[in-house]
Protein backbone atom coordinates (compact mmCIF):
# COMPACT_ATOMS: atom_id res chain seq x y z
CA MET A 1 44.93 81.62 37.12
CA GLY A 2 48.11 81.41 39.18
CA THR A 3 48.38 79.70 42.54
CA ARG A 4 49.54 81.32 45.75
CA PRO A 5 52.99 80.26 46.97
CA PRO A 6 53.11 78.10 50.07
CA LYS A 7 53.43 79.87 53.41
CA ILE A 8 57.08 80.57 54.20
CA ASN A 9 58.19 79.56 57.66
CA LEU A 10 61.46 80.27 59.46
CA TYR A 11 64.55 80.16 57.18
CA GLY A 12 62.27 79.76 54.10
CA PHE A 13 61.49 76.11 54.67
CA PRO A 14 57.92 74.91 54.44
CA GLN A 15 58.37 73.17 57.78
CA PRO A 16 59.05 75.32 60.84
CA THR A 17 62.42 75.03 62.54
CA GLN A 18 61.67 77.04 65.68
CA SER A 19 62.78 74.08 67.78
CA ASN A 20 66.36 74.85 66.74
CA LEU A 21 66.27 78.17 68.56
CA LEU A 22 67.56 78.41 72.13
CA PRO A 23 64.98 80.16 74.31
CA PRO A 24 66.61 82.63 76.70
CA VAL A 25 67.09 81.86 80.34
CA VAL A 26 65.17 84.45 82.36
CA ALA A 27 66.21 84.71 86.00
CA ASN A 28 66.41 87.17 88.87
CA ARG A 29 70.20 87.13 88.81
CA ALA A 30 73.18 87.33 86.55
CA PRO A 31 74.80 84.10 85.35
CA THR A 32 77.93 82.86 87.09
CA ALA A 33 80.88 80.69 86.11
CA GLN A 34 79.03 77.75 87.67
CA ASP A 35 76.19 78.04 85.13
CA THR A 36 77.75 75.57 82.71
CA GLY A 37 74.82 73.38 81.67
CA TYR A 38 73.97 75.34 78.52
CA SER A 39 74.97 75.37 74.86
CA LEU A 40 77.29 78.03 73.51
CA GLY A 41 75.27 80.99 72.30
CA GLN A 42 72.70 80.62 75.08
CA ASN A 43 71.12 83.96 76.03
CA TRP A 44 70.49 84.88 79.65
CA VAL A 45 68.31 87.76 80.82
CA ASN A 46 68.59 89.10 84.35
CA LYS A 47 65.08 90.47 84.73
CA SER A 48 65.99 92.21 87.99
CA SER A 49 68.52 94.52 86.32
CA GLY A 50 67.59 94.23 82.64
CA ALA A 51 71.12 93.07 81.80
CA CYS A 52 71.60 90.45 79.06
CA TYR A 53 74.38 87.90 78.57
CA ILE A 54 75.46 85.30 76.06
CA LEU A 55 77.45 82.15 76.81
CA GLY A 56 80.72 82.46 74.95
CA GLN A 57 82.86 79.69 76.42
CA VAL A 58 82.93 76.77 78.82
CA ALA A 59 86.45 75.72 79.76
CA ALA A 60 87.85 73.79 82.71
CA GLY A 61 84.38 73.54 84.19
CA ALA A 62 83.81 77.32 84.20
CA ALA A 63 81.37 79.24 82.04
CA VAL A 64 82.21 82.62 80.51
CA TRP A 65 79.09 84.77 80.12
CA VAL A 66 79.58 87.95 78.11
CA ALA A 67 77.43 90.98 78.92
CA VAL A 68 75.76 92.18 75.72
CA GLY A 69 73.60 95.09 76.87
CA GLY A 70 70.40 95.90 78.65
CA GLY A 71 69.63 97.89 81.75
CA ALA A 72 72.22 98.04 84.51
CA VAL A 73 74.89 96.19 82.52
CA ASP A 74 77.72 94.63 84.51
CA VAL A 75 81.14 96.27 84.24
CA GLN A 76 82.79 95.23 80.98
CA THR A 77 86.07 97.17 81.13
CA LEU A 78 88.25 98.96 83.66
CA THR A 79 90.53 101.94 83.06
CA GLY A 80 93.41 102.85 85.35
CA ASN A 81 95.78 105.82 85.53
CA THR A 82 97.96 104.11 82.93
CA GLY A 83 97.61 101.16 80.58
CA GLY A 84 94.41 102.25 78.83
CA VAL A 85 91.17 100.28 78.79
CA ILE A 86 91.42 96.78 80.26
CA THR A 87 89.05 94.09 79.01
CA PRO A 88 88.40 90.73 80.70
CA VAL A 89 90.53 87.67 80.00
CA ALA A 90 88.45 84.50 80.29
CA GLY A 91 85.72 86.61 81.88
CA ASN A 92 87.94 88.03 84.62
CA ILE A 93 89.86 91.23 85.37
CA ASN A 94 92.45 90.91 88.14
CA ILE A 95 92.82 93.80 90.59
CA LEU A 96 96.09 93.25 92.40
CA GLY A 97 97.94 95.20 95.06
CA SER A 98 101.37 96.72 94.55
CA GLY A 99 103.96 97.93 97.01
CA ASP A 100 102.30 98.23 100.41
CA LEU A 101 98.75 97.92 99.03
CA THR A 102 96.76 94.70 99.26
CA VAL A 103 93.38 93.77 97.77
CA ALA A 104 91.07 91.43 99.67
CA GLY A 105 87.95 90.02 98.05
CA THR A 106 84.66 88.84 99.52
CA ALA A 107 81.31 88.26 97.82
CA GLY A 108 80.66 91.29 95.62
CA THR A 109 83.32 93.44 97.29
CA LEU A 110 87.02 94.23 96.82
CA THR A 111 88.71 96.07 99.70
CA ILE A 112 91.96 97.91 98.95
CA SER A 113 94.06 98.62 102.02
CA ASN A 114 97.56 99.25 103.28
CA PRO A 115 98.21 96.83 106.16
CA GLN A 116 101.10 99.04 107.29
CA GLN A 117 98.76 101.95 107.97
CA PHE A 118 96.54 102.27 111.02
CA GLU A 119 93.89 104.59 112.41
CA ALA A 120 92.18 104.50 115.78
CA THR A 121 90.27 106.54 118.36
CA VAL A 122 89.92 106.52 122.14
CA THR A 123 88.42 108.71 124.88
CA THR A 124 90.16 109.42 128.18
CA THR A 125 88.74 110.86 131.38
CA ASP A 126 91.82 110.69 133.63
CA ALA A 127 95.62 110.83 133.56
CA THR A 128 96.16 107.08 133.09
CA PRO A 129 98.32 106.15 130.04
CA THR A 130 95.88 104.58 127.56
CA THR A 131 96.73 102.54 124.48
CA ILE A 132 95.13 103.97 121.35
CA ALA A 133 96.89 101.78 118.74
CA THR A 134 98.90 98.55 118.71
CA VAL A 135 101.51 97.62 116.09
CA ALA A 136 102.45 93.93 115.99
CA LEU A 137 106.20 93.61 115.46
CA GLY A 138 106.05 90.22 113.74
CA ALA A 139 107.75 86.88 114.25
CA VAL A 140 110.91 87.80 112.30
CA ALA A 141 113.73 89.75 113.96
CA GLY A 142 114.18 93.31 112.70
CA THR A 143 113.67 97.01 113.31
CA VAL A 144 110.27 98.68 112.98
CA SER A 145 109.99 102.39 112.23
CA ILE A 146 106.74 104.06 113.34
CA ASP A 147 105.53 107.51 112.25
CA VAL A 148 102.24 108.55 113.85
CA ASP A 149 100.10 111.66 114.29
CA VAL A 150 98.00 111.94 117.44
CA PHE A 151 95.45 114.71 117.90
CA CYS A 152 92.86 115.42 120.54
CA PHE A 153 90.01 117.72 121.58
CA ASN A 154 88.42 118.69 124.87
CA ALA A 155 85.04 120.36 124.26
CA SER A 156 84.62 121.89 127.72
CA GLY A 157 87.89 123.86 127.53
CA PRO A 158 87.86 124.09 124.71
CA LYS A 159 91.38 122.75 124.20
CA GLY A 160 93.16 120.81 121.47
CA ALA A 161 96.54 119.48 120.46
CA SER A 162 98.37 117.78 117.60
CA LEU A 163 101.31 115.54 118.40
CA ASN A 164 103.73 113.86 116.00
CA LEU A 165 105.67 110.82 117.15
CA PHE A 166 108.54 109.18 115.31
CA GLY A 167 109.85 106.04 116.97
CA ALA A 168 111.84 102.87 116.40
CA VAL A 169 111.43 99.49 118.04
CA ARG A 170 113.73 96.48 117.66
CA THR A 171 112.31 92.96 117.86
CA THR A 172 113.84 89.54 118.25
CA GLY A 173 110.71 88.09 116.69
CA ALA A 174 109.43 87.29 120.16
CA ALA A 175 109.96 90.49 122.18
CA GLY A 176 110.36 94.17 121.36
CA THR A 177 112.75 96.79 122.72
CA LEU A 178 112.17 100.52 122.30
CA ILE A 179 115.09 102.22 120.59
CA GLY A 180 113.68 105.71 121.05
CA VAL A 181 110.92 108.25 120.36
CA ASN A 182 111.15 111.76 118.91
CA ASN A 183 108.17 114.00 119.65
CA SER A 184 109.62 117.41 118.87
CA LEU A 185 106.79 118.44 116.50
CA ASN A 186 104.04 118.80 119.11
CA VAL A 187 101.55 121.67 118.96
CA ILE A 188 99.54 122.04 122.18
CA ASP A 189 96.78 124.53 122.99
CA GLY A 190 97.99 126.59 125.98
CA ALA A 191 98.51 124.85 129.30
CA PHE A 192 96.95 121.59 128.11
CA ALA A 193 99.04 119.02 130.01
CA ILE A 194 98.43 116.01 127.78
CA SER A 195 101.00 113.74 126.14
CA ALA A 196 101.53 110.81 123.79
CA THR A 197 104.35 108.34 123.31
CA ILE A 198 105.36 104.96 121.91
CA VAL A 199 106.32 102.06 124.21
CA ALA A 200 107.29 98.42 123.69
CA SER A 201 105.17 95.73 125.33
CA GLY A 202 105.74 92.07 124.62
CA ASN A 203 106.23 91.79 120.87
CA ASN A 204 104.15 94.91 120.15
CA ALA A 205 104.68 98.63 119.90
CA LEU A 206 101.94 100.60 121.65
CA VAL A 207 100.91 104.17 120.90
CA GLN A 208 99.74 105.55 124.23
CA VAL A 209 98.05 108.80 125.21
CA THR A 210 97.72 110.44 128.62
CA GLY A 211 94.90 112.85 129.37
CA LEU A 212 93.84 114.85 132.42
CA GLY A 213 91.96 113.83 135.55
CA GLY A 214 88.26 114.66 135.45
CA THR A 215 88.52 115.82 131.83
CA THR A 216 86.93 114.14 128.83
CA ILE A 217 89.30 114.17 125.87
CA ASN A 218 88.63 112.59 122.50
CA TRP A 219 91.73 111.27 120.75
CA LYS A 220 92.41 110.13 117.21
CA THR A 221 95.54 108.76 115.60
CA ASN A 222 96.70 107.70 112.19
CA GLY A 223 100.11 106.49 111.20
CA PHE A 224 102.18 103.93 109.37
CA PHE A 225 105.09 101.61 110.07
CA ARG A 226 107.90 100.00 108.11
CA LYS A 227 110.09 97.02 108.98
CA VAL A 228 113.56 95.96 107.93
CA THR A 229 114.87 92.46 108.67
């Protein structure tokens, strides 16, 4: 009568080798580059999102954790207007500004902006010139070109207007001088005696609006500037 074969454990050896397996790290967060104290191949489970990762590299004191699937998996590629699909290099994808655009990063957030653009609002109740936007002329001598739209609304009228200002200001790097302002593209609702202009003050260019006495007017502006040195 034959004998039964011995019980087969992991990898076919009669002695178990489970101790050679790396148990996964289970945490309420995703791994970061600072999570370096693990062996390559270590699995990490973010139980908050269901995402899973594996440690693929530790170099220069930084860990590279690769997302391998799960629930809300972290972004693994980015695709732009051109260039096709972009995959991470050493666990990172750079998002860089070009031309006038800049990209500023804080924890979990990238903010793309154009520092040469501006937008602002103000409310006037009288005919006092009021600054709605300030453009710093900078510490280097040059000429700054400013193109700005200003529009307003008075609900009790009702009245409205749209004003376009194109101006130039010269700076020594310490003080500005107004070269001139063109406001020929203004569209004003009837006899609505409001106005807007650009003035130089110190080393700044100011966009100013003037409303009407005893009248509440809401103003908004957006514009951009360029500088040559």
